[in-house]
Amino acid sequence: MSEFLSGFDATGWNGIGAPSETPSVIVEKLNKEISAIVLDPAMKTRLVGLGVEPLSMTPAEFGKRIVDDTEKWAKVIKFANIRVE
């Protein structure tokens, strides 16, 4: 789509989250272990084979991604006057 519409980006993604009250030491440990799994060469090959682009982010980077995507799609929804039926 981006070949026809400059700046178009509608990528889907998956992530693992935790409740906001989760202690940061737990979040950091989970992030470290999940990142190690995702970046393991065998797992990375398997994910790519499934059509997934494995990424590793810090909790802050992932939080920013969620905020950025929420803001982006909120603008699209408002501009297109999309309503829940």
PDB file of N, CA and C in Angstrom:
ATOM      1  N   MET A   1       0.822  -1.190   0.000  1.00  0.00           N
ATOM      2  CA  MET A   1       0.000   0.000   0.000  1.00  0.00           C
ATOM      3  C   MET A   1       0.865   1.252   0.000  1.00  0.00           C
ATOM      4  N   SER A   2       1.993   1.222   0.713  1.00  0.00           N
ATOM      5  CA  SER A   2       2.837   2.406   0.808  1.00  0.00           C
ATOM      6  C   SER A   2       3.466   2.772  -0.530  1.00  0.00           C
ATOM      7  N   GLU A   3       3.458   1.836  -1.499  1.00  0.00           N
ATOM      8  CA  GLU A   3       3.958   2.152  -2.837  1.00  0.00           C
ATOM      9  C   GLU A   3       3.021   3.117  -3.553  1.00  0.00           C
ATOM     10  N   PHE A   4       1.750   3.104  -3.173  1.00  0.00           N
ATOM     11  CA  PHE A   4       0.750   3.944  -3.826  1.00  0.00           C
ATOM     12  C   PHE A   4       0.345   5.154  -2.997  1.00  0.00           C
ATOM     13  N   LEU A   5       0.546   5.065  -1.699  1.00  0.00           N
ATOM     14  CA  LEU A   5       0.137   6.141  -0.802  1.00  0.00           C
ATOM     15  C   LEU A   5       1.307   6.472   0.114  1.00  0.00           C
ATOM     16  N   SER A   6       2.000   7.541  -0.218  1.00  0.00           N
ATOM     17  CA  SER A   6       3.201   7.927   0.534  1.00  0.00           C
ATOM     18  C   SER A   6       2.908   8.073   2.024  1.00  0.00           C
ATOM     19  N   GLY A   7       3.756   7.456   2.838  1.00  0.00           N
ATOM     20  CA  GLY A   7       3.615   7.567   4.279  1.00  0.00           C
ATOM     21  C   GLY A   7       2.631   6.593   4.893  1.00  0.00           C
ATOM     22  N   PHE A   8       1.990   5.766   4.057  1.00  0.00           N
ATOM     23  CA  PHE A   8       1.020   4.809   4.580  1.00  0.00           C
ATOM     24  C   PHE A   8       1.717   3.751   5.411  1.00  0.00           C
ATOM     25  N   ASP A   9       1.220   3.505   6.602  1.00  0.00           N
ATOM     26  CA  ASP A   9       1.767   2.467   7.467  1.00  0.00           C
ATOM     27  C   ASP A   9       0.639   1.891   8.293  1.00  0.00           C
ATOM     28  N   ALA A  10       0.311   0.650   8.029  1.00  0.00           N
ATOM     29  CA  ALA A  10      -0.743  -0.032   8.782  1.00  0.00           C
ATOM     30  C   ALA A  10      -0.254  -1.417   9.185  1.00  0.00           C
ATOM     31  N   THR A  11       0.900  -1.451   9.791  1.00  0.00           N
ATOM     32  CA  THR A  11       1.445  -2.725  10.204  1.00  0.00           C
ATOM     33  C   THR A  11       0.756  -3.214  11.479  1.00  0.00           C
ATOM     34  N   GLY A  12       0.548  -4.507  11.521  1.00  0.00           N
ATOM     35  CA  GLY A  12       0.008  -5.116  12.727  1.00  0.00           C
ATOM     36  C   GLY A  12       1.157  -5.593  13.598  1.00  0.00           C
ATOM     37  N   TRP A  13       0.914  -5.725  14.859  1.00  0.00           N
ATOM     38  CA  TRP A  13       1.956  -6.206  15.746  1.00  0.00           C
ATOM     39  C   TRP A  13       1.321  -6.913  16.937  1.00  0.00           C
ATOM     40  N   ASN A  14       2.135  -7.719  17.572  1.00  0.00           N
ATOM     41  CA  ASN A  14       1.747  -8.414  18.795  1.00  0.00           C
ATOM     42  C   ASN A  14       2.759  -8.063  19.867  1.00  0.00           C
ATOM     43  N   GLY A  15       2.331  -8.060  21.074  1.00  0.00           N
ATOM     44  CA  GLY A  15       3.240  -7.790  22.180  1.00  0.00           C
ATOM     45  C   GLY A  15       2.726  -8.419  23.454  1.00  0.00           C
ATOM     46  N   ILE A  16       3.554  -8.421  24.436  1.00  0.00           N
ATOM     47  CA  ILE A  16       3.176  -8.960  25.734  1.00  0.00           C
ATOM     48  C   ILE A  16       3.194  -7.811  26.734  1.00  0.00           C
ATOM     49  N   GLY A  17       2.119  -7.662  27.449  1.00  0.00           N
ATOM     50  CA  GLY A  17       2.008  -6.591  28.429  1.00  0.00           C
ATOM     51  C   GLY A  17       1.769  -7.152  29.820  1.00  0.00           C
ATOM     52  N   ALA A  18       1.804  -6.293  30.786  1.00  0.00           N
ATOM     53  CA  ALA A  18       1.548  -6.654  32.177  1.00  0.00           C
ATOM     54  C   ALA A  18       0.702  -5.552  32.796  1.00  0.00           C
ATOM     55  N   PRO A  19      -0.015  -5.858  33.853  1.00  0.00           N
ATOM     56  CA  PRO A  19      -0.797  -4.810  34.528  1.00  0.00           C
ATOM     57  C   PRO A  19       0.104  -3.646  34.943  1.00  0.00           C
ATOM     58  N   SER A  20      -0.451  -2.450  34.933  1.00  0.00           N
ATOM     59  CA  SER A  20       0.343  -1.250  35.208  1.00  0.00           C
ATOM     60  C   SER A  20       0.976  -1.254  36.598  1.00  0.00           C
ATOM     61  N   GLU A  21       0.403  -1.974  37.548  1.00  0.00           N
ATOM     62  CA  GLU A  21       0.965  -1.992  38.894  1.00  0.00           C
ATOM     63  C   GLU A  21       2.059  -3.057  39.079  1.00  0.00           C
ATOM     64  N   THR A  22       2.426  -3.748  38.012  1.00  0.00           N
ATOM     65  CA  THR A  22       3.490  -4.751  38.096  1.00  0.00           C
ATOM     66  C   THR A  22       4.809  -4.072  38.458  1.00  0.00           C
ATOM     67  N   PRO A  23       5.516  -4.565  39.455  1.00  0.00           N
ATOM     68  CA  PRO A  23       6.791  -3.952  39.841  1.00  0.00           C
ATOM     69  C   PRO A  23       7.773  -3.917  38.659  1.00  0.00           C
ATOM     70  N   SER A  24       8.512  -2.821  38.547  1.00  0.00           N
ATOM     71  CA  SER A  24       9.431  -2.645  37.417  1.00  0.00           C
ATOM     72  C   SER A  24      10.488  -3.740  37.359  1.00  0.00           C
ATOM     73  N   VAL A  25      10.902  -4.278  38.496  1.00  0.00           N
ATOM     74  CA  VAL A  25      11.895  -5.351  38.484  1.00  0.00           C
ATOM     75  C   VAL A  25      11.335  -6.590  37.777  1.00  0.00           C
ATOM     76  N   ILE A  26      10.050  -6.854  37.944  1.00  0.00           N
ATOM     77  CA  ILE A  26       9.399  -7.983  37.276  1.00  0.00           C
ATOM     78  C   ILE A  26       9.279  -7.698  35.780  1.00  0.00           C
ATOM     79  N   VAL A  27       8.855  -6.485  35.430  1.00  0.00           N
ATOM     80  CA  VAL A  27       8.729  -6.100  34.018  1.00  0.00           C
ATOM     81  C   VAL A  27      10.078  -6.224  33.318  1.00  0.00           C
ATOM     82  N   GLU A  28      11.131  -5.743  33.941  1.00  0.00           N
ATOM     83  CA  GLU A  28      12.470  -5.812  33.344  1.00  0.00           C
ATOM     84  C   GLU A  28      12.928  -7.256  33.158  1.00  0.00           C
ATOM     85  N   LYS A  29      12.647  -8.111  34.148  1.00  0.00           N
ATOM     86  CA  LYS A  29      13.035  -9.517  34.038  1.00  0.00           C
ATOM     87  C   LYS A  29      12.265 -10.196  32.907  1.00  0.00           C
ATOM     88  N   LEU A  30      10.968  -9.964  32.858  1.00  0.00           N
ATOM     89  CA  LEU A  30      10.170 -10.528  31.766  1.00  0.00           C
ATOM     90  C   LEU A  30      10.680 -10.049  30.411  1.00  0.00           C
ATOM     91  N   ASN A  31      10.968  -8.753  30.319  1.00  0.00           N
ATOM     92  CA  ASN A  31      11.457  -8.191  29.065  1.00  0.00           C
ATOM     93  C   ASN A  31      12.771  -8.839  28.654  1.00  0.00           C
ATOM     94  N   LYS A  32      13.665  -9.022  29.601  1.00  0.00           N
ATOM     95  CA  LYS A  32      14.963  -9.631  29.314  1.00  0.00           C
ATOM     96  C   LYS A  32      14.796 -11.060  28.796  1.00  0.00           C
ATOM     97  N   GLU A  33      13.950 -11.829  29.461  1.00  0.00           N
ATOM     98  CA  GLU A  33      13.763 -13.233  29.078  1.00  0.00           C
ATOM     99  C   GLU A  33      13.024 -13.361  27.744  1.00  0.00           C
ATOM    100  N   ILE A  34      11.995 -12.558  27.553  1.00  0.00           N
ATOM    101  CA  ILE A  34      11.243 -12.607  26.292  1.00  0.00           C
ATOM    102  C   ILE A  34      12.123 -12.157  25.133  1.00  0.00           C
ATOM    103  N   SER A  35      12.909 -11.113  25.335  1.00  0.00           N
ATOM    104  CA  SER A  35      13.823 -10.639  24.289  1.00  0.00           C
ATOM    105  C   SER A  35      14.834 -11.715  23.915  1.00  0.00           C
ATOM    106  N   ALA A  36      15.347 -12.426  24.904  1.00  0.00           N
ATOM    107  CA  ALA A  36      16.308 -13.496  24.632  1.00  0.00           C
ATOM    108  C   ALA A  36      15.674 -14.590  23.779  1.00  0.00           C
ATOM    109  N   ILE A  37      14.425 -14.918  24.056  1.00  0.00           N
ATOM    110  CA  ILE A  37      13.724 -15.938  23.279  1.00  0.00           C
ATOM    111  C   ILE A  37      13.494 -15.456  21.854  1.00  0.00           C
ATOM    112  N   VAL A  38      12.986 -14.232  21.720  1.00  0.00           N
ATOM    113  CA  VAL A  38      12.664 -13.686  20.397  1.00  0.00           C
ATOM    114  C   VAL A  38      13.903 -13.549  19.519  1.00  0.00           C
ATOM    115  N   LEU A  39      15.041 -13.232  20.124  1.00  0.00           N
ATOM    116  CA  LEU A  39      16.265 -13.021  19.356  1.00  0.00           C
ATOM    117  C   LEU A  39      17.102 -14.284  19.194  1.00  0.00           C
ATOM    118  N   ASP A  40      16.673 -15.394  19.805  1.00  0.00           N
ATOM    119  CA  ASP A  40      17.359 -16.661  19.615  1.00  0.00           C
ATOM    120  C   ASP A  40      17.290 -17.022  18.126  1.00  0.00           C
ATOM    121  N   PRO A  41      18.430 -17.372  17.503  1.00  0.00           N
ATOM    122  CA  PRO A  41      18.433 -17.632  16.055  1.00  0.00           C
ATOM    123  C   PRO A  41      17.386 -18.646  15.597  1.00  0.00           C
ATOM    124  N   ALA A  42      17.202 -19.729  16.328  1.00  0.00           N
ATOM    125  CA  ALA A  42      16.218 -20.740  15.920  1.00  0.00           C
ATOM    126  C   ALA A  42      14.796 -20.179  15.997  1.00  0.00           C
ATOM    127  N   MET A  43      14.507 -19.450  17.068  1.00  0.00           N
ATOM    128  CA  MET A  43      13.177 -18.868  17.210  1.00  0.00           C
ATOM    129  C   MET A  43      12.949 -17.777  16.180  1.00  0.00           C
ATOM    130  N   LYS A  44      13.974 -16.970  15.949  1.00  0.00           N
ATOM    131  CA  LYS A  44      13.864 -15.904  14.956  1.00  0.00           C
ATOM    132  C   LYS A  44      13.562 -16.498  13.582  1.00  0.00           C
ATOM    133  N   THR A  45      14.246 -17.574  13.218  1.00  0.00           N
ATOM    134  CA  THR A  45      14.007 -18.240  11.937  1.00  0.00           C
ATOM    135  C   THR A  45      12.577 -18.766  11.868  1.00  0.00           C
ATOM    136  N   ARG A  46      12.124 -19.350  12.959  1.00  0.00           N
ATOM    137  CA  ARG A  46      10.757 -19.883  12.982  1.00  0.00           C
ATOM    138  C   ARG A  46       9.728 -18.766  12.834  1.00  0.00           C
ATOM    139  N   LEU A  47       9.920 -17.675  13.554  1.00  0.00           N
ATOM    140  CA  LEU A  47       8.985 -16.551  13.465  1.00  0.00           C
ATOM    141  C   LEU A  47       8.962 -15.959  12.064  1.00  0.00           C
ATOM    142  N   VAL A  48      10.133 -15.767  11.476  1.00  0.00           N
ATOM    143  CA  VAL A  48      10.207 -15.234  10.112  1.00  0.00           C
ATOM    144  C   VAL A  48       9.484 -16.174   9.151  1.00  0.00           C
ATOM    145  N   GLY A  49       9.639 -17.471   9.358  1.00  0.00           N
ATOM    146  CA  GLY A  49       8.945 -18.452   8.525  1.00  0.00           C
ATOM    147  C   GLY A  49       7.429 -18.361   8.639  1.00  0.00           C
ATOM    148  N   LEU A  50       6.957 -17.851   9.751  1.00  0.00           N
ATOM    149  CA  LEU A  50       5.517 -17.656   9.962  1.00  0.00           C
ATOM    150  C   LEU A  50       5.052 -16.280   9.490  1.00  0.00           C
ATOM    151  N   GLY A  51       5.979 -15.503   8.933  1.00  0.00           N
ATOM    152  CA  GLY A  51       5.629 -14.176   8.435  1.00  0.00           C
ATOM    153  C   GLY A  51       5.689 -13.085   9.489  1.00  0.00           C
ATOM    154  N   VAL A  52       6.394 -13.355  10.578  1.00  0.00           N
ATOM    155  CA  VAL A  52       6.495 -12.397  11.681  1.00  0.00           C
ATOM    156  C   VAL A  52       7.891 -11.784  11.679  1.00  0.00           C
ATOM    157  N   GLU A  53       7.956 -10.471  11.839  1.00  0.00           N
ATOM    158  CA  GLU A  53       9.245  -9.800  11.969  1.00  0.00           C
ATOM    159  C   GLU A  53       9.531  -9.619  13.460  1.00  0.00           C
ATOM    160  N   PRO A  54      10.406 -10.465  14.017  1.00  0.00           N
ATOM    161  CA  PRO A  54      10.659 -10.368  15.450  1.00  0.00           C
ATOM    162  C   PRO A  54      11.401  -9.095  15.826  1.00  0.00           C
ATOM    163  N   LEU A  55      10.889  -8.415  16.835  1.00  0.00           N
ATOM    164  CA  LEU A  55      11.507  -7.195  17.354  1.00  0.00           C
ATOM    165  C   LEU A  55      11.650  -7.319  18.862  1.00  0.00           C
ATOM    166  N   SER A  56      12.633  -6.660  19.374  1.00  0.00           N
ATOM    167  CA  SER A  56      12.819  -6.586  20.816  1.00  0.00           C
ATOM    168  C   SER A  56      12.845  -5.120  21.195  1.00  0.00           C
ATOM    169  N   MET A  57      12.016  -4.752  22.163  1.00  0.00           N
ATOM    170  CA  MET A  57      11.940  -3.365  22.614  1.00  0.00           C
ATOM    171  C   MET A  57      12.054  -3.313  24.122  1.00  0.00           C
ATOM    172  N   THR A  58      12.461  -2.167  24.613  1.00  0.00           N
ATOM    173  CA  THR A  58      12.402  -1.949  26.055  1.00  0.00           C
ATOM    174  C   THR A  58      10.940  -1.711  26.425  1.00  0.00           C
ATOM    175  N   PRO A  59      10.596  -1.857  27.696  1.00  0.00           N
ATOM    176  CA  PRO A  59       9.224  -1.546  28.103  1.00  0.00           C
ATOM    177  C   PRO A  59       8.826  -0.103  27.738  1.00  0.00           C
ATOM    178  N   ALA A  60       9.741   0.832  27.860  1.00  0.00           N
ATOM    179  CA  ALA A  60       9.435   2.228  27.510  1.00  0.00           C
ATOM    180  C   ALA A  60       9.176   2.374  26.009  1.00  0.00           C
ATOM    181  N   GLU A  61       9.977   1.710  25.190  1.00  0.00           N
ATOM    182  CA  GLU A  61       9.770   1.766  23.731  1.00  0.00           C
ATOM    183  C   GLU A  61       8.428   1.151  23.349  1.00  0.00           C
ATOM    184  N   PHE A  62       8.073   0.030  23.982  1.00  0.00           N
ATOM    185  CA  PHE A  62       6.797  -0.613  23.690  1.00  0.00           C
ATOM    186  C   PHE A  62       5.636   0.275  24.131  1.00  0.00           C
ATOM    187  N   GLY A  63       5.770   0.892  25.305  1.00  0.00           N
ATOM    188  CA  GLY A  63       4.739   1.814  25.768  1.00  0.00           C
ATOM    189  C   GLY A  63       4.548   2.975  24.807  1.00  0.00           C
ATOM    190  N   LYS A  64       5.658   3.510  24.289  1.00  0.00           N
ATOM    191  CA  LYS A  64       5.583   4.599  23.304  1.00  0.00           C
ATOM    192  C   LYS A  64       4.907   4.117  22.033  1.00  0.00           C
ATOM    193  N   ARG A  65       5.192   2.901  21.601  1.00  0.00           N
ATOM    194  CA  ARG A  65       4.572   2.339  20.394  1.00  0.00           C
ATOM    195  C   ARG A  65       3.059   2.270  20.566  1.00  0.00           C
ATOM    196  N   ILE A  66       2.627   1.838  21.737  1.00  0.00           N
ATOM    197  CA  ILE A  66       1.191   1.753  22.011  1.00  0.00           C
ATOM    198  C   ILE A  66       0.559   3.142  21.970  1.00  0.00           C
ATOM    199  N   VAL A  67       1.180   4.112  22.629  1.00  0.00           N
ATOM    200  CA  VAL A  67       0.654   5.484  22.640  1.00  0.00           C
ATOM    201  C   VAL A  67       0.629   6.062  21.224  1.00  0.00           C
ATOM    202  N   ASP A  68       1.736   5.908  20.484  1.00  0.00           N
ATOM    203  CA  ASP A  68       1.819   6.458  19.122  1.00  0.00           C
ATOM    204  C   ASP A  68       0.754   5.855  18.208  1.00  0.00           C
ATOM    205  N   ASP A  69       0.597   4.531  18.258  1.00  0.00           N
ATOM    206  CA  ASP A  69      -0.395   3.884  17.396  1.00  0.00           C
ATOM    207  C   ASP A  69      -1.819   4.274  17.798  1.00  0.00           C
ATOM    208  N   THR A  70      -2.061   4.398  19.090  1.00  0.00           N
ATOM    209  CA  THR A  70      -3.388   4.811  19.556  1.00  0.00           C
ATOM    210  C   THR A  70      -3.714   6.209  19.041  1.00  0.00           C
ATOM    211  N   GLU A  71      -2.757   7.121  19.136  1.00  0.00           N
ATOM    212  CA  GLU A  71      -2.978   8.484  18.639  1.00  0.00           C
ATOM    213  C   GLU A  71      -3.180   8.491  17.127  1.00  0.00           C
ATOM    214  N   LYS A  72      -2.356   7.735  16.405  1.00  0.00           N
ATOM    215  CA  LYS A  72      -2.460   7.699  14.939  1.00  0.00           C
ATOM    216  C   LYS A  72      -3.844   7.215  14.502  1.00  0.00           C
ATOM    217  N   TRP A  73      -4.285   6.091  15.068  1.00  0.00           N
ATOM    218  CA  TRP A  73      -5.559   5.532  14.631  1.00  0.00           C
ATOM    219  C   TRP A  73      -6.743   6.329  15.152  1.00  0.00           C
ATOM    220  N   ALA A  74      -6.593   7.018  16.265  1.00  0.00           N
ATOM    221  CA  ALA A  74      -7.665   7.894  16.742  1.00  0.00           C
ATOM    222  C   ALA A  74      -7.907   9.022  15.735  1.00  0.00           C
ATOM    223  N   LYS A  75      -6.830   9.550  15.166  1.00  0.00           N
ATOM    224  CA  LYS A  75      -6.958  10.602  14.149  1.00  0.00           C
ATOM    225  C   LYS A  75      -7.660  10.068  12.908  1.00  0.00           C
ATOM    226  N   VAL A  76      -7.302   8.866  12.487  1.00  0.00           N
ATOM    227  CA  VAL A  76      -7.933   8.253  11.309  1.00  0.00           C
ATOM    228  C   VAL A  76      -9.428   8.053  11.563  1.00  0.00           C
ATOM    229  N   ILE A  77      -9.753   7.528  12.733  1.00  0.00           N
ATOM    230  CA  ILE A  77     -11.150   7.273  13.083  1.00  0.00           C
ATOM    231  C   ILE A  77     -11.944   8.580  13.103  1.00  0.00           C
ATOM    232  N   LYS A  78     -11.363   9.614  13.689  1.00  0.00           N
ATOM    233  CA  LYS A  78     -12.050  10.911  13.753  1.00  0.00           C
ATOM    234  C   LYS A  78     -12.205  11.505  12.346  1.00  0.00           C
ATOM    235  N   PHE A  79     -11.142  11.488  11.553  1.00  0.00           N
ATOM    236  CA  PHE A  79     -11.191  12.045  10.202  1.00  0.00           C
ATOM    237  C   PHE A  79     -12.220  11.334   9.338  1.00  0.00           C
ATOM    238  N   ALA A  80     -12.289  10.007   9.447  1.00  0.00           N
ATOM    239  CA  ALA A  80     -13.208   9.214   8.632  1.00  0.00           C
ATOM    240  C   ALA A  80     -14.596   9.134   9.253  1.00  0.00           C
ATOM    241  N   ASN A  81     -14.765   9.766  10.419  1.00  0.00           N
ATOM    242  CA  ASN A  81     -16.054   9.754  11.124  1.00  0.00           C
ATOM    243  C   ASN A  81     -16.572   8.329  11.326  1.00  0.00           C
ATOM    244  N   ILE A  82     -15.688   7.456  11.760  1.00  0.00           N
ATOM    245  CA  ILE A  82     -16.033   6.063  11.988  1.00  0.00           C
ATOM    246  C   ILE A  82     -16.788   5.960  13.308  1.00  0.00           C
ATOM    247  N   ARG A  83     -17.878   5.235  13.285  1.00  0.00           N
ATOM    248  CA  ARG A  83     -18.719   5.061  14.467  1.00  0.00           C
ATOM    249  C   ARG A  83     -18.937   3.570  14.736  1.00  0.00           C
ATOM    250  N   VAL A  84     -19.099   3.223  15.984  1.00  0.00           N
ATOM    251  CA  VAL A  84     -19.437   1.861  16.376  1.00  0.00           C
ATOM    252  C   VAL A  84     -20.912   1.645  16.103  1.00  0.00           C
ATOM    253  N   GLU A  85     -21.232   0.527  15.496  1.00  0.00           N
ATOM    254  CA  GLU A  85     -22.653   0.223  15.223  1.00  0.00           C
ATOM    255  C   GLU A  85     -23.153  -0.862  16.132  1.00  0.00           C
TER     256      GLU A  85
END
